[in-house]
C-alpha atoms as a PDB file:
ATOM      1  CA  MET A   1       0.240   0.129   0.018  1.00  0.00           C
ATOM      2  CA  GLU A   2       2.732   2.131   0.023  1.00  0.00           C
ATOM      3  CA  ASP A   3       2.770   2.459  -3.847  1.00  0.00           C
ATOM      4  CA  ALA A   4      -0.429   4.434  -3.404  1.00  0.00           C
ATOM      5  CA  ASN A   5       1.024   7.119  -1.326  1.00  0.00           C
ATOM      6  CA  LEU A   6       4.041   8.000  -3.267  1.00  0.00           C
ATOM      7  CA  ASN A   7       4.431  11.589  -4.411  1.00  0.00           C
ATOM      8  CA  PRO A   8       5.587  11.775  -8.155  1.00  0.00           C
ATOM      9  CA  GLU A   9       7.371  14.927  -7.386  1.00  0.00           C
ATOM     10  CA  ASP A  10      10.201  12.475  -5.718  1.00  0.00           C
ATOM     11  CA  TYR A  11      10.770  11.017  -9.134  1.00  0.00           C
ATOM     12  CA  LEU A  12      10.240  13.191 -12.069  1.00  0.00           C
ATOM     13  CA  THR A  13      11.792  16.414 -12.940  1.00  0.00           C
ATOM     14  CA  ASN A  14      10.246  19.954 -13.227  1.00  0.00           C
ATOM     15  CA  GLN A  15       9.563  19.540 -16.869  1.00  0.00           C
ATOM     16  CA  GLU A  16       8.358  16.111 -16.751  1.00  0.00           C
ATOM     17  CA  ILE A  17       5.761  17.252 -14.549  1.00  0.00           C
ATOM     18  CA  LEU A  18       4.706  19.855 -16.147  1.00  0.00           C
ATOM     19  CA  GLN A  19       4.626  17.715 -19.305  1.00  0.00           C
ATOM     20  CA  LEU A  20       2.186  15.470 -16.976  1.00  0.00           C
ATOM     21  CA  ARG A  21      -0.063  18.425 -16.227  1.00  0.00           C
ATOM     22  CA  LYS A  22      -0.143  19.745 -19.874  1.00  0.00           C
ATOM     23  CA  LEU A  23      -1.257  15.935 -20.731  1.00  0.00           C
ATOM     24  CA  ASN A  24      -3.606  15.551 -18.267  1.00  0.00           C
ATOM     25  CA  LYS A  25      -5.328  18.946 -19.104  1.00  0.00           C
ATOM     26  CA  ASN A  26      -5.827  18.259 -22.632  1.00  0.00           C
ATOM     27  CA  ILE A  27      -7.201  14.685 -21.993  1.00  0.00           C
ATOM     28  CA  ASN A  28      -9.857  16.590 -19.725  1.00  0.00           C
ATOM     29  CA  GLU A  29     -10.891  19.078 -22.648  1.00  0.00           C
ATOM     30  CA  VAL A  30     -10.873  16.053 -24.842  1.00  0.00           C
ATOM     31  CA  LYS A  31     -12.835  13.904 -22.384  1.00  0.00           C
ATOM     32  CA  THR A  32     -15.455  16.837 -21.890  1.00  0.00           C
ATOM     33  CA  GLN A  33     -15.593  17.218 -25.467  1.00  0.00           C
ATOM     34  CA  GLU A  34     -16.742  13.689 -25.996  1.00  0.00           C
ATOM     35  CA  LYS A  35     -19.396  13.703 -23.661  1.00  0.00           C
ATOM     36  CA  GLN A  36     -21.120  16.840 -25.058  1.00  0.00           C
ATOM     37  CA  ALA A  37     -21.041  15.729 -28.930  1.00  0.00           C
ATOM     38  CA  ALA A  38     -22.564  12.100 -26.873  1.00  0.00           C
ATOM     39  CA  THR A  39     -25.121  14.103 -25.112  1.00  0.00           C
ATOM     40  CA  PHE A  40     -27.683  14.721 -27.897  1.00  0.00           C
ATOM     41  CA  PHE A  41     -27.773  10.984 -28.514  1.00  0.00           C
ATOM     42  CA  ASN A  42     -28.379  10.363 -25.173  1.00  0.00           C
ATOM     43  CA  LEU A  43     -31.647  12.463 -24.954  1.00  0.00           C
ATOM     44  CA  SER A  44     -35.199  11.214 -25.191  1.00  0.00           C
ATOM     45  CA  LEU A  45     -37.470  12.015 -28.098  1.00  0.00           C
ATOM     46  CA  ASN A  46     -39.419  14.635 -26.036  1.00  0.00           C
ATOM     47  CA  GLU A  47     -35.881  16.126 -24.556  1.00  0.00           C
ATOM     48  CA  ILE A  48     -34.957  16.286 -28.580  1.00  0.00           C
ATOM     49  CA  ALA A  49     -38.403  17.925 -29.131  1.00  0.00           C
ATOM     50  CA  ASN A  50     -38.160  20.884 -26.145  1.00  0.00           C
ATOM     51  CA  ARG A  51     -34.830  21.485 -27.236  1.00  0.00           C
ATOM     52  CA  TRP A  52     -35.793  21.988 -30.842  1.00  0.00           C
ATOM     53  CA  SER A  53     -38.464  24.296 -30.622  1.00  0.00           C
ATOM     54  CA  LYS A  54     -36.065  25.972 -28.014  1.00  0.00           C
ATOM     55  CA  VAL A  55     -33.437  26.331 -30.393  1.00  0.00           C
ATOM     56  CA  MET A  56     -35.422  27.066 -33.731  1.00  0.00           C
ATOM     57  CA  TYR A  57     -37.326  30.390 -31.303  1.00  0.00           C
ATOM     58  CA  GLU A  58     -33.971  31.854 -30.391  1.00  0.00           C
ATOM     59  CA  LEU A  59     -32.651  31.152 -34.058  1.00  0.00           C
ATOM     60  CA  LEU A  60     -35.930  32.941 -35.828  1.00  0.00           C
ATOM     61  CA  ASN A  61     -35.327  35.684 -33.205  1.00  0.00           C
ATOM     62  CA  GLU A  62     -31.552  35.883 -33.823  1.00  0.00           C
ATOM     63  CA  ILE A  63     -32.486  35.936 -37.612  1.00  0.00           C
ATOM     64  CA  ASN A  64     -35.447  38.704 -37.587  1.00  0.00           C
ATOM     65  CA  ILE A  65     -32.781  40.990 -35.658  1.00  0.00           C
ATOM     66  CA  VAL A  66     -30.166  40.365 -38.347  1.00  0.00           C
ATOM     67  CA  VAL A  67     -32.554  41.119 -41.500  1.00  0.00           C
ATOM     68  CA  GLY A  68     -34.116  43.892 -39.282  1.00  0.00           C
ATOM     69  CA  THR A  69     -31.432  45.881 -38.564  1.00  0.00           C
ATOM     70  CA  ASN A  70     -29.998  48.601 -41.046  1.00  0.00           C
ATOM     71  CA  TYR A  71     -25.933  48.408 -41.068  1.00  0.00           C
ATOM     72  CA  ASN A  72     -24.110  51.524 -42.230  1.00  0.00           C
ATOM     73  CA  GLN A  73     -22.212  49.675 -45.140  1.00  0.00           C
ATOM     74  CA  ASP A  74     -21.314  51.936 -48.238  1.00  0.00           C
ATOM     75  CA  SER A  75     -23.077  50.358 -50.242  1.00  0.00           C
ATOM     76  CA  THR A  76     -25.832  47.469 -50.466  1.00  0.00           C
ATOM     77  CA  ILE A  77     -23.555  44.928 -51.513  1.00  0.00           C
ATOM     78  CA  GLU A  78     -21.274  45.008 -48.738  1.00  0.00           C
ATOM     79  CA  GLU A  79     -24.639  44.760 -46.237  1.00  0.00           C
ATOM     80  CA  ILE A  80     -25.508  42.060 -48.125  1.00  0.00           C
ATOM     81  CA  ILE A  81     -22.371  40.083 -47.792  1.00  0.00           C
ATOM     82  CA  TYR A  82     -22.451  41.478 -43.820  1.00  0.00           C
ATOM     83  CA  LYS A  83     -26.054  39.809 -43.355  1.00  0.00           C
ATOM     84  CA  ILE A  84     -24.936  36.633 -44.865  1.00  0.00           C
ATOM     85  CA  LYS A  85     -21.682  36.437 -42.755  1.00  0.00           C
ATOM     86  CA  GLU A  86     -23.715  36.888 -39.498  1.00  0.00           C
ATOM     87  CA  LEU A  87     -26.577  34.535 -40.460  1.00  0.00           C
ATOM     88  CA  ILE A  88     -24.241  31.739 -40.802  1.00  0.00           C
ATOM     89  CA  LYS A  89     -22.109  32.231 -37.665  1.00  0.00           C
ATOM     90  CA  ILE A  90     -25.718  32.122 -36.367  1.00  0.00           C
ATOM     91  CA  LEU A  91     -26.780  29.247 -38.004  1.00  0.00           C
ATOM     92  CA  VAL A  92     -23.336  27.138 -37.034  1.00  0.00           C
ATOM     93  CA  LYS A  93     -23.574  28.702 -33.139  1.00  0.00           C
ATOM     94  CA  GLU A  94     -22.920  25.485 -30.660  1.00  0.00           C
ATOM     95  CA  GLU A  95     -25.746  22.683 -31.166  1.00  0.00           C
ATOM     96  CA  ARG A  96     -27.738  24.190 -33.856  1.00  0.00           C
ATOM     97  CA  SER A  97     -26.481  22.309 -36.673  1.00  0.00           C
ATOM     98  CA  MET A  98     -27.977  19.201 -35.144  1.00  0.00           C
ATOM     99  CA  TYR A  99     -31.390  20.690 -34.847  1.00  0.00           C
ATOM    100  CA  ILE A 100     -31.009  22.278 -38.166  1.00  0.00           C
ATOM    101  CA  GLY A 101     -30.489  19.128 -39.875  1.00  0.00           C
ATOM    102  CA  ILE A 102     -33.661  18.240 -38.165  1.00  0.00           C
ATOM    103  CA  THR A 103     -35.275  20.759 -39.040  1.00  0.00           C
ATOM    104  CA  ILE A 104     -34.588  20.490 -42.897  1.00  0.00           C
ATOM    105  CA  LEU A 105     -35.291  16.730 -42.843  1.00  0.00           C
ATOM    106  CA  ILE A 106     -39.205  17.839 -41.535  1.00  0.00           C
ATOM    107  CA  ILE A 107     -39.002  19.947 -44.321  1.00  0.00           C
ATOM    108  CA  ALA A 108     -38.030  18.017 -46.735  1.00  0.00           C
ATOM    109  CA  ILE A 109     -40.362  15.267 -45.517  1.00  0.00           C
ATOM    110  CA  PHE A 110     -43.512  17.502 -45.955  1.00  0.00           C
ATOM    111  CA  LEU A 111     -42.093  18.868 -49.302  1.00  0.00           C
ATOM    112  CA  TYR A 112     -42.336  14.997 -50.198  1.00  0.00           C
ATOM    113  CA  LEU A 113     -45.584  14.087 -49.026  1.00  0.00           C
ATOM    114  CA  ILE A 114     -47.084  17.176 -50.988  1.00  0.00           C
ATOM    115  CA  ASP A 115     -45.691  16.311 -54.081  1.00  0.00           C
ATOM    116  CA  ILE A 116     -46.280  12.475 -54.192  1.00  0.00           C
ATOM    117  CA  THR A 117     -50.350  13.640 -53.075  1.00  0.00           C
ATOM    118  CA  GLU A 118     -50.311  15.811 -56.500  1.00  0.00           C
END
């Protein structure tokens, strides 16, 4: 049981200790990212639906702000380019890409149903 009480500082140089701490920090960050990535797949359908509605509400509000705001650009082309960049930032923010994919899938299914009923 004496091995459990060993102090690594007694056997390692300062550089080795710093490297171990850096590696430990990097591993913890990777584990945290993996847990966050896996959280969507561990949600129930009810939780996904609730989060989807919340994300869509926030997304529409932010898009409305960007589209409705008049920026002081030199030309309309620069303003359009700026608004497109802002819309892309809004769409790829946080976990939104998964919920936007769900929205596109739902729209595609509805369009397919409309097409086959004509």
